[in-house]
Protein backbone atom coordinates (compact mmCIF):
# COMPACT_ATOMS: atom_id res chain seq x y z
CA MET A 1 -11.30 -9.60 8.84
CA ALA A 2 -14.07 -11.36 10.75
CA LYS A 3 -13.15 -14.52 12.64
CA ILE A 4 -15.60 -17.44 12.43
CA LEU A 5 -15.67 -20.78 14.26
CA ILE A 6 -17.53 -23.67 12.63
CA VAL A 7 -18.64 -26.39 15.05
CA ASP A 8 -19.98 -29.50 13.32
CA ASP A 9 -19.06 -33.17 13.66
CA ASP A 10 -19.77 -33.63 9.93
CA LYS A 11 -16.22 -33.15 8.66
CA ASP A 12 -17.21 -32.79 5.00
CA MET A 13 -19.77 -30.10 5.84
CA SER A 14 -17.32 -28.27 8.10
CA GLN A 15 -14.54 -28.28 5.53
CA LEU A 16 -16.86 -27.19 2.73
CA LEU A 17 -18.16 -24.26 4.80
CA ALA A 18 -14.61 -23.35 5.84
CA GLU A 19 -13.46 -23.28 2.21
CA ILE A 20 -16.41 -21.17 1.12
CA LEU A 21 -16.13 -18.73 4.03
CA GLY A 22 -12.35 -18.53 3.58
CA GLY A 23 -12.99 -17.60 -0.04
CA GLU A 24 -15.21 -14.79 1.25
CA SER A 25 -12.17 -13.43 3.18
CA TYR A 26 -13.20 -14.65 6.63
CA GLU A 27 -10.69 -16.21 9.00
CA VAL A 28 -12.14 -19.64 9.78
CA ASN A 29 -11.46 -22.26 12.46
CA ILE A 30 -13.16 -25.64 12.76
CA SER A 31 -14.08 -27.74 15.79
CA TYR A 32 -15.56 -31.20 15.39
CA THR A 33 -16.72 -31.56 19.02
CA GLY A 34 -18.43 -29.32 21.53
CA GLU A 35 -15.61 -29.74 24.02
CA GLU A 36 -13.03 -28.63 21.45
CA ALA A 37 -15.24 -25.67 20.49
CA LEU A 38 -15.52 -24.49 24.10
CA ALA A 39 -11.74 -24.64 24.51
CA LYS A 40 -11.29 -22.53 21.35
CA ILE A 41 -13.97 -20.05 22.45
CA LYS A 42 -12.18 -19.57 25.79
CA GLU A 43 -8.87 -18.94 23.99
CA ASN A 44 -10.11 -16.82 21.07
CA SER A 45 -12.56 -14.05 20.40
CA TYR A 46 -14.79 -15.03 17.47
CA ASP A 47 -17.07 -12.64 15.64
CA LEU A 48 -19.42 -15.51 14.83
CA VAL A 49 -19.86 -19.17 15.70
CA ILE A 50 -21.73 -21.50 13.34
CA LEU A 51 -22.88 -24.29 15.64
CA ASP A 52 -24.55 -27.57 14.76
CA TYR A 53 -27.30 -28.62 17.16
CA LYS A 54 -26.51 -32.35 17.07
CA LEU A 55 -22.91 -33.06 17.99
CA LEU A 56 -21.12 -36.13 19.27
CA GLY A 57 -20.65 -35.72 23.02
CA ILE A 58 -22.20 -32.57 24.41
CA SER A 59 -25.03 -31.03 22.42
CA GLY A 60 -24.97 -27.74 20.57
CA LEU A 61 -27.34 -26.27 23.17
CA VAL A 62 -24.87 -27.07 25.97
CA VAL A 63 -22.06 -25.52 23.92
CA LEU A 64 -24.23 -22.46 23.29
CA GLU A 65 -25.06 -22.02 26.97
CA LYS A 66 -21.47 -22.47 28.17
CA ALA A 67 -20.04 -20.31 25.38
CA HIS A 68 -22.30 -17.42 26.35
CA GLN A 69 -21.13 -17.73 29.95
CA VAL A 70 -17.58 -17.08 28.69
CA ARG A 71 -18.43 -14.61 25.90
CA PRO A 72 -21.95 -13.20 26.48
CA LEU A 73 -21.95 -10.96 23.40
CA MET A 74 -20.73 -13.60 20.94
CA LYS A 75 -23.04 -14.13 17.96
CA VAL A 76 -24.05 -17.71 17.24
CA ILE A 77 -25.94 -19.21 14.30
CA MET A 78 -27.25 -22.68 15.08
CA ILE A 79 -27.71 -25.06 12.16
CA SER A 80 -29.56 -28.36 12.23
CA ALA A 81 -31.56 -30.88 10.29
CA PHE A 82 -33.42 -31.56 13.57
CA GLY A 83 -34.70 -28.08 14.42
CA ASP A 84 -38.21 -28.49 15.77
CA ASP A 85 -40.01 -25.56 17.41
CA SER A 86 -39.06 -26.50 20.98
CA THR A 87 -35.38 -26.82 20.03
CA LYS A 88 -35.47 -23.41 18.34
CA ALA A 89 -37.20 -21.86 21.36
CA LYS A 90 -34.58 -23.32 23.71
CA ALA A 91 -31.78 -22.05 21.46
CA LYS A 92 -33.34 -18.56 21.54
CA GLU A 93 -33.46 -18.76 25.36
CA PHE A 94 -29.74 -19.52 25.35
CA GLY A 95 -29.02 -16.53 23.14
CA VAL A 96 -28.69 -17.92 19.63
CA TYR A 97 -28.70 -15.15 17.04
CA ASP A 98 -30.34 -17.24 14.33
CA PHE A 99 -31.39 -20.86 13.75
CA ILE A 100 -31.06 -22.18 10.20
CA ASP A 101 -32.44 -25.51 9.05
CA LYS A 102 -30.27 -27.94 7.07
CA PRO A 103 -30.14 -28.27 4.18
CA PHE A 104 -29.88 -24.56 3.51
CA ASN A 105 -29.42 -22.39 0.46
CA LEU A 106 -25.73 -21.46 0.47
CA ILE A 107 -26.20 -18.03 -1.10
CA GLU A 108 -28.88 -17.12 1.46
CA PHE A 109 -26.69 -18.53 4.26
CA LEU A 110 -23.72 -16.39 3.19
CA GLN A 111 -25.97 -13.33 2.98
CA ARG A 112 -27.26 -14.00 6.51
CA ILE A 113 -23.70 -14.29 7.83
CA LYS A 114 -22.79 -11.00 6.18
CA GLU A 115 -25.85 -9.28 7.69
CA ILE A 116 -25.08 -10.59 11.18
CA LEU A 117 -21.43 -9.55 11.02
CA GLU A 118 -22.30 -6.09 9.73
CA ASN A 119 -24.68 -5.51 12.65
CA ASN A 120 -22.01 -5.26 15.34
C-alpha cells in the first residue's frame, strides 16, 4: 500500500483529499504546516507527497527543497491556485514531479497520482 503525505493549510481540502485517497486504499497522513511536514518526512518514508505551494509559515518551495535534502528520490506533486510560470520553473528546479493548478479535476488528479506511483 502506497503511503502519501498531504501538506496543505486548508484543513477542509486536506481532509477531503485524505478521505478520497484513503478510499483508494492509500495510507494517508496530513500536515497543516511546512514545519510539521518536514518532521514527518524525516521520520517516515512516503511514496508521494502532495504539497501546497502557499502554506502558513515556510513556503511549499522551502519544504520541497529541504525534503529532497532528506529524501532525494521522494516524489512530490505541488498543488496551487497561485502557480505562475516562474513558480512552476522554480518547483521543477527543486525536483517537483508535477505541478497541478487548483482547482483541479479530481478524477484526473487521482489518475495522475496512480501514474506517478506506478512509475517507481
